[in-house]
């Protein structure tokens, strides 16, 4: 049960971090006026690794606070 909880918390943090990273990268592409063919590589090679690194840092640094928060709102 603890493994399922840990994985679900990690995936939730990753999803919450990945979405703004993708939006930021696509916004930069829009502002720079770069062609649409660069969207997939930018998301795959910039946003995804960036989200992995940020999520890893957040989980390592704030794991206890994140789990306490999730347990406090869980039924």
PDB file of N, CA and C in Angstrom:
ATOM      1  N   UNK A   1       0.821  -1.191   0.000  1.00  0.00           N
ATOM      2  CA  UNK A   1       0.000   0.000   0.000  1.00  0.00           C
ATOM      3  C   UNK A   1       0.866   1.256   0.000  1.00  0.00           C
ATOM      4  N   UNK A   2       1.983   1.210   0.727  1.00  0.00           N
ATOM      5  CA  UNK A   2       2.879   2.375   0.774  1.00  0.00           C
ATOM      6  C   UNK A   2       3.516   2.646  -0.591  1.00  0.00           C
ATOM      7  N   UNK A   3       3.806   1.582  -1.354  1.00  0.00           N
ATOM      8  CA  UNK A   3       4.389   1.757  -2.680  1.00  0.00           C
ATOM      9  C   UNK A   3       3.398   2.438  -3.616  1.00  0.00           C
ATOM     10  N   UNK A   4       2.146   2.024  -3.570  1.00  0.00           N
ATOM     11  CA  UNK A   4       1.118   2.643  -4.408  1.00  0.00           C
ATOM     12  C   UNK A   4       0.960   4.112  -4.048  1.00  0.00           C
ATOM     13  N   UNK A   5       0.976   4.419  -2.775  1.00  0.00           N
ATOM     14  CA  UNK A   5       0.869   5.805  -2.325  1.00  0.00           C
ATOM     15  C   UNK A   5       2.056   6.626  -2.819  1.00  0.00           C
ATOM     16  N   UNK A   6       3.252   6.084  -2.700  1.00  0.00           N
ATOM     17  CA  UNK A   6       4.456   6.802  -3.126  1.00  0.00           C
ATOM     18  C   UNK A   6       4.457   7.063  -4.625  1.00  0.00           C
ATOM     19  N   UNK A   7       4.084   6.061  -5.383  1.00  0.00           N
ATOM     20  CA  UNK A   7       4.051   6.219  -6.837  1.00  0.00           C
ATOM     21  C   UNK A   7       2.981   7.218  -7.249  1.00  0.00           C
ATOM     22  N   UNK A   8       1.827   7.169  -6.613  1.00  0.00           N
ATOM     23  CA  UNK A   8       0.767   8.114  -6.978  1.00  0.00           C
ATOM     24  C   UNK A   8       1.142   9.546  -6.615  1.00  0.00           C
ATOM     25  N   UNK A   9       1.811   9.743  -5.490  1.00  0.00           N
ATOM     26  CA  UNK A   9       2.269  11.092  -5.121  1.00  0.00           C
ATOM     27  C   UNK A   9       3.321  11.573  -6.110  1.00  0.00           C
ATOM     28  N   UNK A  10       4.261  10.707  -6.462  1.00  0.00           N
ATOM     29  CA  UNK A  10       5.316  11.098  -7.405  1.00  0.00           C
ATOM     30  C   UNK A  10       4.744  11.437  -8.777  1.00  0.00           C
ATOM     31  N   UNK A  11       3.800  10.655  -9.259  1.00  0.00           N
ATOM     32  CA  UNK A  11       3.207  10.927 -10.566  1.00  0.00           C
ATOM     33  C   UNK A  11       2.360  12.189 -10.548  1.00  0.00           C
ATOM     34  N   UNK A  12       1.695  12.455  -9.438  1.00  0.00           N
ATOM     35  CA  UNK A  12       0.913  13.687  -9.327  1.00  0.00           C
ATOM     36  C   UNK A  12       1.818  14.907  -9.354  1.00  0.00           C
ATOM     37  N   UNK A  13       2.908  14.859  -8.613  1.00  0.00           N
ATOM     38  CA  UNK A  13       3.864  15.980  -8.626  1.00  0.00           C
ATOM     39  C   UNK A  13       4.444  16.149 -10.025  1.00  0.00           C
ATOM     40  N   UNK A  14       4.773  15.048 -10.684  1.00  0.00           N
ATOM     41  CA  UNK A  14       5.317  15.125 -12.037  1.00  0.00           C
ATOM     42  C   UNK A  14       4.315  15.740 -13.006  1.00  0.00           C
ATOM     43  N   UNK A  15       3.049  15.330 -12.922  1.00  0.00           N
ATOM     44  CA  UNK A  15       2.032  15.880 -13.820  1.00  0.00           C
ATOM     45  C   UNK A  15       1.802  17.359 -13.564  1.00  0.00           C
ATOM     46  N   UNK A  16       1.809  17.751 -12.300  1.00  0.00           N
ATOM     47  CA  UNK A  16       1.600  19.163 -11.959  1.00  0.00           C
ATOM     48  C   UNK A  16       2.772  20.009 -12.450  1.00  0.00           C
ATOM     49  N   UNK A  17       3.965  19.460 -12.462  1.00  0.00           N
ATOM     50  CA  UNK A  17       5.139  20.205 -12.930  1.00  0.00           C
ATOM     51  C   UNK A  17       5.238  20.170 -14.456  1.00  0.00           C
ATOM     52  N   UNK A  18       4.865  19.052 -15.079  1.00  0.00           N
ATOM     53  CA  UNK A  18       5.013  18.904 -16.525  1.00  0.00           C
ATOM     54  C   UNK A  18       4.127  19.871 -17.293  1.00  0.00           C
ATOM     55  N   UNK A  19       2.911  20.061 -16.854  1.00  0.00           N
ATOM     56  CA  UNK A  19       1.980  20.918 -17.588  1.00  0.00           C
ATOM     57  C   UNK A  19       2.488  22.353 -17.721  1.00  0.00           C
ATOM     58  N   UNK A  20       2.918  23.017 -16.649  1.00  0.00           N
ATOM     59  CA  UNK A  20       3.464  24.370 -16.836  1.00  0.00           C
ATOM     60  C   UNK A  20       4.743  24.401 -17.682  1.00  0.00           C
ATOM     61  N   UNK A  21       5.560  23.346 -17.605  1.00  0.00           N
ATOM     62  CA  UNK A  21       6.767  23.306 -18.435  1.00  0.00           C
ATOM     63  C   UNK A  21       6.404  23.255 -19.917  1.00  0.00           C
ATOM     64  N   UNK A  22       5.415  22.452 -20.255  1.00  0.00           N
ATOM     65  CA  UNK A  22       4.970  22.372 -21.646  1.00  0.00           C
ATOM     66  C   UNK A  22       4.383  23.703 -22.087  1.00  0.00           C
ATOM     67  N   UNK A  23       3.549  24.307 -21.255  1.00  0.00           N
ATOM     68  CA  UNK A  23       2.944  25.594 -21.602  1.00  0.00           C
ATOM     69  C   UNK A  23       4.020  26.664 -21.784  1.00  0.00           C
ATOM     70  N   UNK A  24       5.007  26.678 -20.904  1.00  0.00           N
ATOM     71  CA  UNK A  24       6.094  27.656 -21.016  1.00  0.00           C
ATOM     72  C   UNK A  24       6.892  27.461 -22.301  1.00  0.00           C
ATOM     73  N   UNK A  25       7.237  26.226 -22.624  1.00  0.00           N
ATOM     74  CA  UNK A  25       8.002  25.961 -23.845  1.00  0.00           C
ATOM     75  C   UNK A  25       7.203  26.324 -25.091  1.00  0.00           C
ATOM     76  N   UNK A  26       5.929  25.985 -25.112  1.00  0.00           N
ATOM     77  CA  UNK A  26       5.101  26.330 -26.264  1.00  0.00           C
ATOM     78  C   UNK A  26       4.893  27.832 -26.358  1.00  0.00           C
ATOM     79  N   UNK A  27       4.810  28.508 -25.223  1.00  0.00           N
ATOM     80  CA  UNK A  27       4.709  29.968 -25.228  1.00  0.00           C
ATOM     81  C   UNK A  27       5.955  30.615 -25.798  1.00  0.00           C
ATOM     82  N   UNK A  28       7.112  30.075 -25.453  1.00  0.00           N
ATOM     83  CA  UNK A  28       8.366  30.599 -26.011  1.00  0.00           C
ATOM     84  C   UNK A  28       8.394  30.386 -27.518  1.00  0.00           C
ATOM     85  N   UNK A  29       7.954  29.215 -27.980  1.00  0.00           N
ATOM     86  CA  UNK A  29       7.891  28.974 -29.421  1.00  0.00           C
ATOM     87  C   UNK A  29       6.948  29.955 -30.102  1.00  0.00           C
ATOM     88  N   UNK A  30       5.825  30.249 -29.465  1.00  0.00           N
ATOM     89  CA  UNK A  30       4.853  31.175 -30.036  1.00  0.00           C
ATOM     90  C   UNK A  30       5.419  32.587 -30.106  1.00  0.00           C
ATOM     91  N   UNK A  31       6.066  33.026 -29.034  1.00  0.00           N
ATOM     92  CA  UNK A  31       6.639  34.377 -29.001  1.00  0.00           C
ATOM     93  C   UNK A  31       7.757  34.517 -30.037  1.00  0.00           C
ATOM     94  N   UNK A  32       8.576  33.492 -30.170  1.00  0.00           N
ATOM     95  CA  UNK A  32       9.672  33.551 -31.134  1.00  0.00           C
ATOM     96  C   UNK A  32       9.202  33.338 -32.568  1.00  0.00           C
ATOM     97  N   UNK A  33       7.968  32.874 -32.736  1.00  0.00           N
ATOM     98  CA  UNK A  33       7.423  32.659 -34.073  1.00  0.00           C
ATOM     99  C   UNK A  33       8.027  31.478 -34.798  1.00  0.00           C
ATOM    100  N   UNK A  34       8.411  30.464 -34.056  1.00  0.00           N
ATOM    101  CA  UNK A  34       9.045  29.287 -34.653  1.00  0.00           C
ATOM    102  C   UNK A  34       7.966  28.366 -35.217  1.00  0.00           C
ATOM    103  N   UNK A  35       8.310  27.687 -36.281  1.00  0.00           N
ATOM    104  CA  UNK A  35       7.389  26.824 -37.015  1.00  0.00           C
ATOM    105  C   UNK A  35       6.829  25.694 -36.141  1.00  0.00           C
ATOM    106  N   UNK A  36       5.671  25.177 -36.536  1.00  0.00           N
ATOM    107  CA  UNK A  36       4.990  24.121 -35.779  1.00  0.00           C
ATOM    108  C   UNK A  36       5.748  22.798 -35.753  1.00  0.00           C
ATOM    109  N   UNK A  37       6.635  22.596 -36.694  1.00  0.00           N
ATOM    110  CA  UNK A  37       7.337  21.305 -36.732  1.00  0.00           C
ATOM    111  C   UNK A  37       8.303  21.131 -35.561  1.00  0.00           C
ATOM    112  N   UNK A  38       8.563  22.200 -34.814  1.00  0.00           N
ATOM    113  CA  UNK A  38       9.464  22.120 -33.664  1.00  0.00           C
ATOM    114  C   UNK A  38       8.737  21.827 -32.353  1.00  0.00           C
ATOM    115  N   UNK A  39       7.415  21.716 -32.393  1.00  0.00           N
ATOM    116  CA  UNK A  39       6.655  21.515 -31.154  1.00  0.00           C
ATOM    117  C   UNK A  39       6.984  20.169 -30.515  1.00  0.00           C
ATOM    118  N   UNK A  40       6.922  19.087 -31.275  1.00  0.00           N
ATOM    119  CA  UNK A  40       7.206  17.758 -30.714  1.00  0.00           C
ATOM    120  C   UNK A  40       8.620  17.642 -30.162  1.00  0.00           C
ATOM    121  N   UNK A  41       9.651  18.067 -30.903  1.00  0.00           N
ATOM    122  CA  UNK A  41      11.005  17.969 -30.320  1.00  0.00           C
ATOM    123  C   UNK A  41      11.198  18.826 -29.075  1.00  0.00           C
ATOM    124  N   UNK A  42      10.595  20.004 -29.054  1.00  0.00           N
ATOM    125  CA  UNK A  42      10.761  20.867 -27.879  1.00  0.00           C
ATOM    126  C   UNK A  42      10.103  20.242 -26.664  1.00  0.00           C
ATOM    127  N   UNK A  43       8.911  19.691 -26.841  1.00  0.00           N
ATOM    128  CA  UNK A  43       8.236  19.049 -25.711  1.00  0.00           C
ATOM    129  C   UNK A  43       9.000  17.803 -25.274  1.00  0.00           C
ATOM    130  N   UNK A  44       9.479  17.024 -26.237  1.00  0.00           N
ATOM    131  CA  UNK A  44      10.166  15.776 -25.894  1.00  0.00           C
ATOM    132  C   UNK A  44      11.556  16.001 -25.310  1.00  0.00           C
ATOM    133  N   UNK A  45      12.288  16.970 -25.844  1.00  0.00           N
ATOM    134  CA  UNK A  45      13.689  17.128 -25.449  1.00  0.00           C
ATOM    135  C   UNK A  45      13.947  18.287 -24.493  1.00  0.00           C
ATOM    136  N   UNK A  46      12.951  19.138 -24.265  1.00  0.00           N
ATOM    137  CA  UNK A  46      13.140  20.253 -23.339  1.00  0.00           C
ATOM    138  C   UNK A  46      12.177  20.155 -22.164  1.00  0.00           C
ATOM    139  N   UNK A  47      10.878  20.135 -22.439  1.00  0.00           N
ATOM    140  CA  UNK A  47       9.881  20.186 -21.363  1.00  0.00           C
ATOM    141  C   UNK A  47       9.893  18.920 -20.508  1.00  0.00           C
ATOM    142  N   UNK A  48       9.973  17.754 -21.132  1.00  0.00           N
ATOM    143  CA  UNK A  48       9.926  16.506 -20.372  1.00  0.00           C
ATOM    144  C   UNK A  48      11.134  16.348 -19.439  1.00  0.00           C
ATOM    145  N   UNK A  49      12.378  16.502 -19.933  1.00  0.00           N
ATOM    146  CA  UNK A  49      13.515  16.398 -18.993  1.00  0.00           C
ATOM    147  C   UNK A  49      13.507  17.483 -17.924  1.00  0.00           C
ATOM    148  N   UNK A  50      13.072  18.681 -18.305  1.00  0.00           N
ATOM    149  CA  UNK A  50      12.981  19.766 -17.324  1.00  0.00           C
ATOM    150  C   UNK A  50      12.000  19.398 -16.213  1.00  0.00           C
ATOM    151  N   UNK A  51      10.864  18.824 -16.585  1.00  0.00           N
ATOM    152  CA  UNK A  51       9.872  18.417 -15.592  1.00  0.00           C
ATOM    153  C   UNK A  51      10.389  17.276 -14.720  1.00  0.00           C
ATOM    154  N   UNK A  52      11.146  16.362 -15.298  1.00  0.00           N
ATOM    155  CA  UNK A  52      11.714  15.258 -14.519  1.00  0.00           C
ATOM    156  C   UNK A  52      12.680  15.791 -13.466  1.00  0.00           C
ATOM    157  N   UNK A  53      13.541  16.729 -13.858  1.00  0.00           N
ATOM    158  CA  UNK A  53      14.520  17.286 -12.923  1.00  0.00           C
ATOM    159  C   UNK A  53      13.829  18.085 -11.824  1.00  0.00           C
ATOM    160  N   UNK A  54      12.881  18.936 -12.196  1.00  0.00           N
ATOM    161  CA  UNK A  54      12.178  19.752 -11.199  1.00  0.00           C
ATOM    162  C   UNK A  54      11.374  18.868 -10.251  1.00  0.00           C
ATOM    163  N   UNK A  55      10.683  17.859 -10.791  1.00  0.00           N
ATOM    164  CA  UNK A  55       9.903  16.950  -9.946  1.00  0.00           C
ATOM    165  C   UNK A  55      10.806  16.180  -8.993  1.00  0.00           C
ATOM    166  N   UNK A  56      11.924  15.705  -9.498  1.00  0.00           N
ATOM    167  CA  UNK A  56      12.866  14.996  -8.636  1.00  0.00           C
ATOM    168  C   UNK A  56      13.369  15.867  -7.505  1.00  0.00           C
ATOM    169  N   UNK A  57      13.692  17.103  -7.822  1.00  0.00           N
ATOM    170  CA  UNK A  57      14.152  18.032  -6.785  1.00  0.00           C
ATOM    171  C   UNK A  57      13.056  18.268  -5.749  1.00  0.00           C
ATOM    172  N   UNK A  58      11.837  18.534  -6.219  1.00  0.00           N
ATOM    173  CA  UNK A  58      10.737  18.794  -5.283  1.00  0.00           C
ATOM    174  C   UNK A  58      10.461  17.586  -4.399  1.00  0.00           C
ATOM    175  N   UNK A  59      10.500  16.395  -4.992  1.00  0.00           N
ATOM    176  CA  UNK A  59      10.234  15.190  -4.206  1.00  0.00           C
ATOM    177  C   UNK A  59      11.345  14.917  -3.198  1.00  0.00           C
ATOM    178  N   UNK A  60      12.587  15.145  -3.586  1.00  0.00           N
ATOM    179  CA  UNK A  60      13.684  14.930  -2.643  1.00  0.00           C
ATOM    180  C   UNK A  60      13.674  15.957  -1.522  1.00  0.00           C
ATOM    181  N   UNK A  61      13.383  17.181  -1.862  1.00  0.00           N
ATOM    182  CA  UNK A  61      13.469  18.262  -0.878  1.00  0.00           C
ATOM    183  C   UNK A  61      12.232  18.325   0.021  1.00  0.00           C
ATOM    184  N   UNK A  62      11.036  18.120  -0.559  1.00  0.00           N
ATOM    185  CA  UNK A  62       9.797  18.358   0.179  1.00  0.00           C
ATOM    186  C   UNK A  62       8.930  17.106   0.316  1.00  0.00           C
ATOM    187  N   UNK A  63       9.529  15.913   0.304  1.00  0.00           N
ATOM    188  CA  UNK A  63       8.750  14.673   0.358  1.00  0.00           C
ATOM    189  C   UNK A  63       7.866  14.617   1.598  1.00  0.00           C
ATOM    190  N   UNK A  64       8.406  14.946   2.748  1.00  0.00           N
ATOM    191  CA  UNK A  64       7.647  14.845   3.999  1.00  0.00           C
ATOM    192  C   UNK A  64       6.448  15.800   3.994  1.00  0.00           C
ATOM    193  N   UNK A  65       6.650  17.032   3.549  1.00  0.00           N
ATOM    194  CA  UNK A  65       5.555  18.002   3.515  1.00  0.00           C
ATOM    195  C   UNK A  65       4.490  17.594   2.498  1.00  0.00           C
ATOM    196  N   UNK A  66       4.925  17.070   1.350  1.00  0.00           N
ATOM    197  CA  UNK A  66       3.967  16.647   0.327  1.00  0.00           C
ATOM    198  C   UNK A  66       3.133  15.482   0.836  1.00  0.00           C
ATOM    199  N   UNK A  67       3.764  14.485   1.448  1.00  0.00           N
ATOM    200  CA  UNK A  67       3.004  13.334   1.938  1.00  0.00           C
ATOM    201  C   UNK A  67       2.086  13.717   3.090  1.00  0.00           C
ATOM    202  N   UNK A  68       2.534  14.616   3.970  1.00  0.00           N
ATOM    203  CA  UNK A  68       1.650  15.067   5.049  1.00  0.00           C
ATOM    204  C   UNK A  68       0.434  15.796   4.491  1.00  0.00           C
ATOM    205  N   UNK A  69       0.644  16.619   3.471  1.00  0.00           N
ATOM    206  CA  UNK A  69      -0.475  17.328   2.854  1.00  0.00           C
ATOM    207  C   UNK A  69      -1.445  16.353   2.201  1.00  0.00           C
ATOM    208  N   UNK A  70      -0.922  15.380   1.462  1.00  0.00           N
ATOM    209  CA  UNK A  70      -1.791  14.405   0.794  1.00  0.00           C
ATOM    210  C   UNK A  70      -2.553  13.582   1.819  1.00  0.00           C
ATOM    211  N   UNK A  71      -1.895  13.170   2.889  1.00  0.00           N
ATOM    212  CA  UNK A  71      -2.588  12.397   3.930  1.00  0.00           C
ATOM    213  C   UNK A  71      -3.642  13.238   4.642  1.00  0.00           C
ATOM    214  N   UNK A  72      -3.409  14.544   4.772  1.00  0.00           N
ATOM    215  CA  UNK A  72      -4.388  15.394   5.459  1.00  0.00           C
ATOM    216  C   UNK A  72      -5.654  15.591   4.634  1.00  0.00           C
ATOM    217  N   UNK A  73      -5.542  15.533   3.303  1.00  0.00           N
ATOM    218  CA  UNK A  73      -6.743  15.712   2.478  1.00  0.00           C
ATOM    219  C   UNK A  73      -7.343  14.384   2.042  1.00  0.00           C
ATOM    220  N   UNK A  74      -6.659  13.271   2.329  1.00  0.00           N
ATOM    221  CA  UNK A  74      -7.180  11.955   1.962  1.00  0.00           C
ATOM    222  C   UNK A  74      -8.235  11.515   2.970  1.00  0.00           C
ATOM    223  N   UNK A  75      -9.236  10.780   2.470  1.00  0.00           N
ATOM    224  CA  UNK A  75     -10.269  10.294   3.406  1.00  0.00           C
ATOM    225  C   UNK A  75      -9.764   9.169   4.285  1.00  0.00           C
TER     226      UNK A  75
END
